[in-house]
Protein backbone atom coordinates (compact mmCIF):
# COMPACT_ATOMS: atom_id res chain seq x y z
CA MET A 1 39.46 151.87 65.18
CA ALA A 2 39.99 152.16 61.52
CA ALA A 3 43.32 151.56 61.78
CA ASP A 4 42.57 148.12 63.91
CA ALA A 5 40.25 147.09 61.42
CA LEU A 6 42.79 147.42 58.38
CA SER A 7 45.36 145.44 60.39
CA ALA A 8 43.27 142.67 60.55
CA LEU A 9 42.71 142.58 56.82
CA LYS A 10 44.83 139.91 54.84
CA PRO A 11 46.31 140.92 51.87
CA PRO A 12 44.94 139.70 48.55
CA LYS A 13 46.82 136.75 47.03
CA LEU A 14 48.49 137.54 43.71
CA ASP A 15 48.18 135.28 40.90
CA HIS A 16 51.51 134.41 39.52
CA LYS A 17 52.11 134.92 35.75
CA VAL A 18 52.09 131.55 33.78
CA ILE A 19 55.22 131.64 31.50
CA PRO A 20 55.14 129.28 28.66
CA GLU A 21 57.75 126.57 28.13
CA LEU A 22 59.45 125.95 24.64
CA ASP A 23 58.92 122.70 23.15
CA ASP A 24 61.26 120.28 21.74
CA ASP A 25 60.75 121.86 18.15
CA GLN A 26 61.06 125.48 19.57
CA LEU A 27 64.41 124.28 21.07
CA ARG A 28 65.56 122.62 17.98
CA ALA A 29 64.63 125.99 15.98
CA LEU A 30 66.42 127.94 18.47
CA VAL A 31 69.63 126.10 18.17
CA LYS A 32 69.32 125.94 14.30
CA VAL A 33 69.31 129.59 13.82
CA CYS A 34 72.85 129.42 15.78
CA ALA A 35 74.19 127.33 12.77
CA GLY A 36 77.43 128.47 11.82
CA ASN A 37 81.56 128.42 12.93
CA ASP A 38 81.62 132.07 13.69
CA PHE A 39 82.21 133.30 17.13
CA ARG A 40 78.63 134.44 18.00
CA ALA A 41 77.05 131.53 16.22
CA ARG A 42 79.26 129.35 18.68
CA ARG A 43 78.48 131.34 21.76
CA ASP A 44 74.93 131.67 21.22
CA GLU A 45 74.42 127.86 20.95
CA ALA A 46 76.49 126.98 23.88
CA ILE A 47 74.55 129.41 26.01
CA ILE A 48 71.32 128.43 24.88
CA ARG A 49 71.92 124.38 25.35
CA LEU A 50 73.34 125.40 29.16
CA MET A 51 70.39 127.52 29.85
CA ALA A 52 67.70 125.10 28.57
CA GLU A 53 69.42 122.13 30.37
CA THR A 54 70.31 123.38 33.52
CA GLY A 55 67.93 126.11 34.16
CA LEU A 56 70.78 128.57 35.10
CA ARG A 57 69.50 132.15 35.61
CA ALA A 58 70.68 134.74 33.14
CA GLY A 59 72.65 136.62 35.69
CA GLU A 60 74.46 133.06 36.85
CA VAL A 61 75.35 132.57 33.16
CA VAL A 62 76.66 136.08 32.63
CA GLY A 63 78.59 135.92 35.73
CA MET A 64 80.50 132.63 35.12
CA THR A 65 84.40 132.37 34.50
CA THR A 66 86.39 130.22 32.36
CA ALA A 67 87.21 128.10 35.52
CA ASP A 68 83.80 127.61 36.29
CA VAL A 69 83.44 124.80 33.73
CA ASP A 70 84.72 121.34 33.86
CA LEU A 71 84.17 119.66 30.57
CA LYS A 72 85.42 116.56 31.32
CA ALA A 73 83.26 116.15 34.59
CA GLY A 74 80.12 117.91 32.71
CA VAL A 75 79.70 120.33 35.49
CA ALA A 76 79.41 124.12 35.60
CA ILE A 77 80.15 125.78 39.01
CA VAL A 78 77.91 128.83 40.10
CA GLN A 79 80.08 130.41 42.67
CA ARG A 80 77.22 132.92 43.77
CA GLY A 81 73.81 132.11 43.24
CA LYS A 82 70.39 133.95 44.27
CA GLY A 83 70.79 134.29 48.04
CA GLY A 84 74.66 134.08 48.04
CA ARG A 85 74.37 130.20 47.46
CA GLY A 86 76.62 128.50 45.08
CA ARG A 87 76.26 124.92 43.74
CA PRO A 88 77.27 122.66 41.06
CA VAL A 89 75.21 122.25 38.04
CA PRO A 90 75.65 119.03 35.62
CA PHE A 91 75.47 119.36 31.78
CA GLY A 92 75.24 116.33 29.31
CA PRO A 93 77.70 115.73 26.24
CA GLN A 94 75.66 117.80 23.89
CA THR A 95 75.79 120.87 25.61
CA GLY A 96 79.44 120.12 26.69
CA ARG A 97 80.26 119.69 22.79
CA ALA A 98 78.91 123.22 22.51
CA ILE A 99 80.82 124.75 25.09
CA ASP A 100 84.02 123.14 23.86
CA ARG A 101 83.34 124.69 20.36
CA TYR A 102 82.80 128.00 21.80
CA LEU A 103 85.99 127.81 23.91
CA ARG A 104 87.84 126.95 20.67
CA ALA A 105 86.35 129.97 18.84
CA ARG A 106 86.79 132.00 22.12
CA ARG A 107 90.88 131.54 21.82
CA GLY A 108 90.90 134.01 18.63
CA HIS A 109 88.84 136.67 20.39
CA ARG A 110 90.90 139.94 21.37
CA MET A 111 89.78 139.83 24.93
CA ALA A 112 90.81 136.05 25.49
CA GLU A 113 92.90 136.69 28.24
CA LEU A 114 89.86 137.68 30.47
CA ASP A 115 88.44 135.54 33.07
CA ALA A 116 84.76 135.99 32.13
CA LEU A 117 83.74 132.96 30.11
CA TRP A 118 81.50 134.71 27.62
CA LEU A 119 82.63 137.57 25.65
CA GLY A 120 80.72 140.12 23.62
CA ASP A 121 81.35 141.48 20.16
CA ARG A 122 84.16 144.09 19.15
CA GLN A 123 86.13 144.16 22.33
CA ARG A 124 83.21 144.19 24.67
CA GLY A 125 82.14 142.24 27.88
CA PHE A 126 79.23 140.36 27.98
CA SER A 127 76.42 141.99 30.36
CA TYR A 128 73.00 140.85 30.84
CA GLN A 129 71.98 143.31 28.13
CA ALA A 130 74.06 141.61 25.79
CA LEU A 131 72.61 138.31 26.65
CA TYR A 132 69.15 139.27 26.43
CA SER A 133 69.83 141.08 22.98
CA ALA A 134 71.66 138.06 21.73
CA LEU A 135 69.01 135.23 22.72
CA LYS A 136 66.08 138.04 21.64
CA GLY A 137 67.62 137.94 18.21
CA ARG A 138 67.80 134.17 17.99
CA ALA A 139 64.33 133.71 18.92
CA GLU A 140 62.82 136.06 16.68
CA ALA A 141 64.97 134.40 13.86
CA ALA A 142 63.56 131.01 15.24
CA GLY A 143 59.82 132.38 15.04
CA ILE A 144 59.28 132.34 18.69
CA ALA A 145 57.18 135.15 20.09
CA GLY A 146 57.33 136.62 23.40
CA PHE A 147 60.65 135.28 24.13
CA HIS A 148 62.93 136.24 26.99
CA PRO A 149 65.79 134.60 28.58
CA HIS A 150 63.81 133.25 31.82
CA VAL A 151 61.87 131.26 29.42
CA LEU A 152 64.73 128.83 29.31
CA ARG A 153 64.62 128.40 33.11
CA HIS A 154 61.16 127.53 33.04
CA THR A 155 61.68 125.24 29.96
CA ALA A 156 64.58 123.45 31.63
CA ALA A 157 62.51 122.91 35.01
CA GLY A 158 59.51 121.37 32.92
CA ARG A 159 61.71 119.30 30.98
CA TRP A 160 63.46 117.75 34.09
CA LEU A 161 60.09 116.57 35.56
CA ALA A 162 58.89 115.43 32.19
CA ALA A 163 61.78 113.30 31.82
CA GLY A 164 61.03 111.69 35.17
CA GLY A 165 63.64 113.67 37.38
CA SER A 166 62.90 113.98 41.04
CA GLU A 167 61.57 117.26 42.48
CA GLY A 168 64.46 117.09 44.88
CA GLY A 169 67.06 116.90 42.31
CA LEU A 170 65.26 119.65 40.32
CA MET A 171 65.35 121.87 43.58
CA ALA A 172 69.16 121.45 44.06
CA VAL A 173 70.24 122.17 40.30
CA ALA A 174 68.06 125.00 40.10
CA GLY A 175 69.08 126.37 43.31
CA TRP A 176 65.79 126.48 45.11
CA SER A 177 65.27 126.06 48.85
CA ARG A 178 61.31 126.01 48.76
CA ARG A 179 59.12 123.38 47.11
CA ASP A 180 56.34 125.97 46.06
CA MET A 181 59.17 127.07 43.42
CA ILE A 182 58.60 124.05 41.35
CA ASP A 183 54.90 124.54 41.20
CA ARG A 184 55.53 128.10 40.11
CA TYR A 185 58.14 127.38 37.62
CA THR A 186 56.21 124.44 35.64
CA ARG A 187 52.75 125.65 36.28
CA ALA A 188 52.31 126.20 32.37
CA THR A 189 52.92 122.45 31.54
CA SER A 190 51.62 120.65 34.73
CA GLN A 191 48.29 119.28 33.47
CA ARG A 192 50.10 117.93 30.44
CA ARG A 193 52.40 115.93 32.49
CA ALA A 194 49.73 114.64 34.81
CA ALA A 195 47.90 113.42 31.77
CA ASP A 196 50.96 111.58 30.74
CA GLU A 197 51.55 110.20 33.94
CA ALA A 198 48.04 108.88 34.08
CA ARG A 199 48.44 107.20 30.70
CA LYS A 200 51.70 105.74 31.99
CA LEU A 201 49.97 104.31 35.26
CA SER A 202 46.95 102.81 33.59
CA LEU A 203 44.83 102.63 36.82
CA GLY A 204 41.78 101.80 34.86
CA ASP A 205 43.28 98.41 33.62
CA TRP A 206 42.09 95.66 35.86
């Protein structure tokens, strides 16, 4: 009887943690601390711009090869995203220029012959831990507290909707198959977007 009673109980709904998105000033500060012509500066700026614009997952970024980026078309190809699904991800001119500058600096790297797009320091590859350490260090230099790479995915999603992008387009770029992922990833700024939309609609003007 006790087992039957327990089987009828529904599991409690767990609250999803609200992850804050970076605002424009924070994004500019993050890019500013990457100023310089050295290899690491070029690499880190390119990664930050790519992730903040496209919302690519950290694992997807780390797994990219040089063949996955088409600068002329402004497209990055995710060969194998979460759930085994690949997808094209477009990026704009600013991100394209940053990637191009990185690729030029990459030519002088001792491991330039490798297929991996992103290279580490001192003859090392570029793992998730290397990505985390690099971006965490840049965020600290920019005065951004509580940062981790996944913040950039949330930021990209929020910026997409704030700029008037469609939910369907966001789902395609982000690699989501469920609509509820949009709410989950943009919860931190949903009220602000609603207020902005209400002002634009001006429904009280008649």
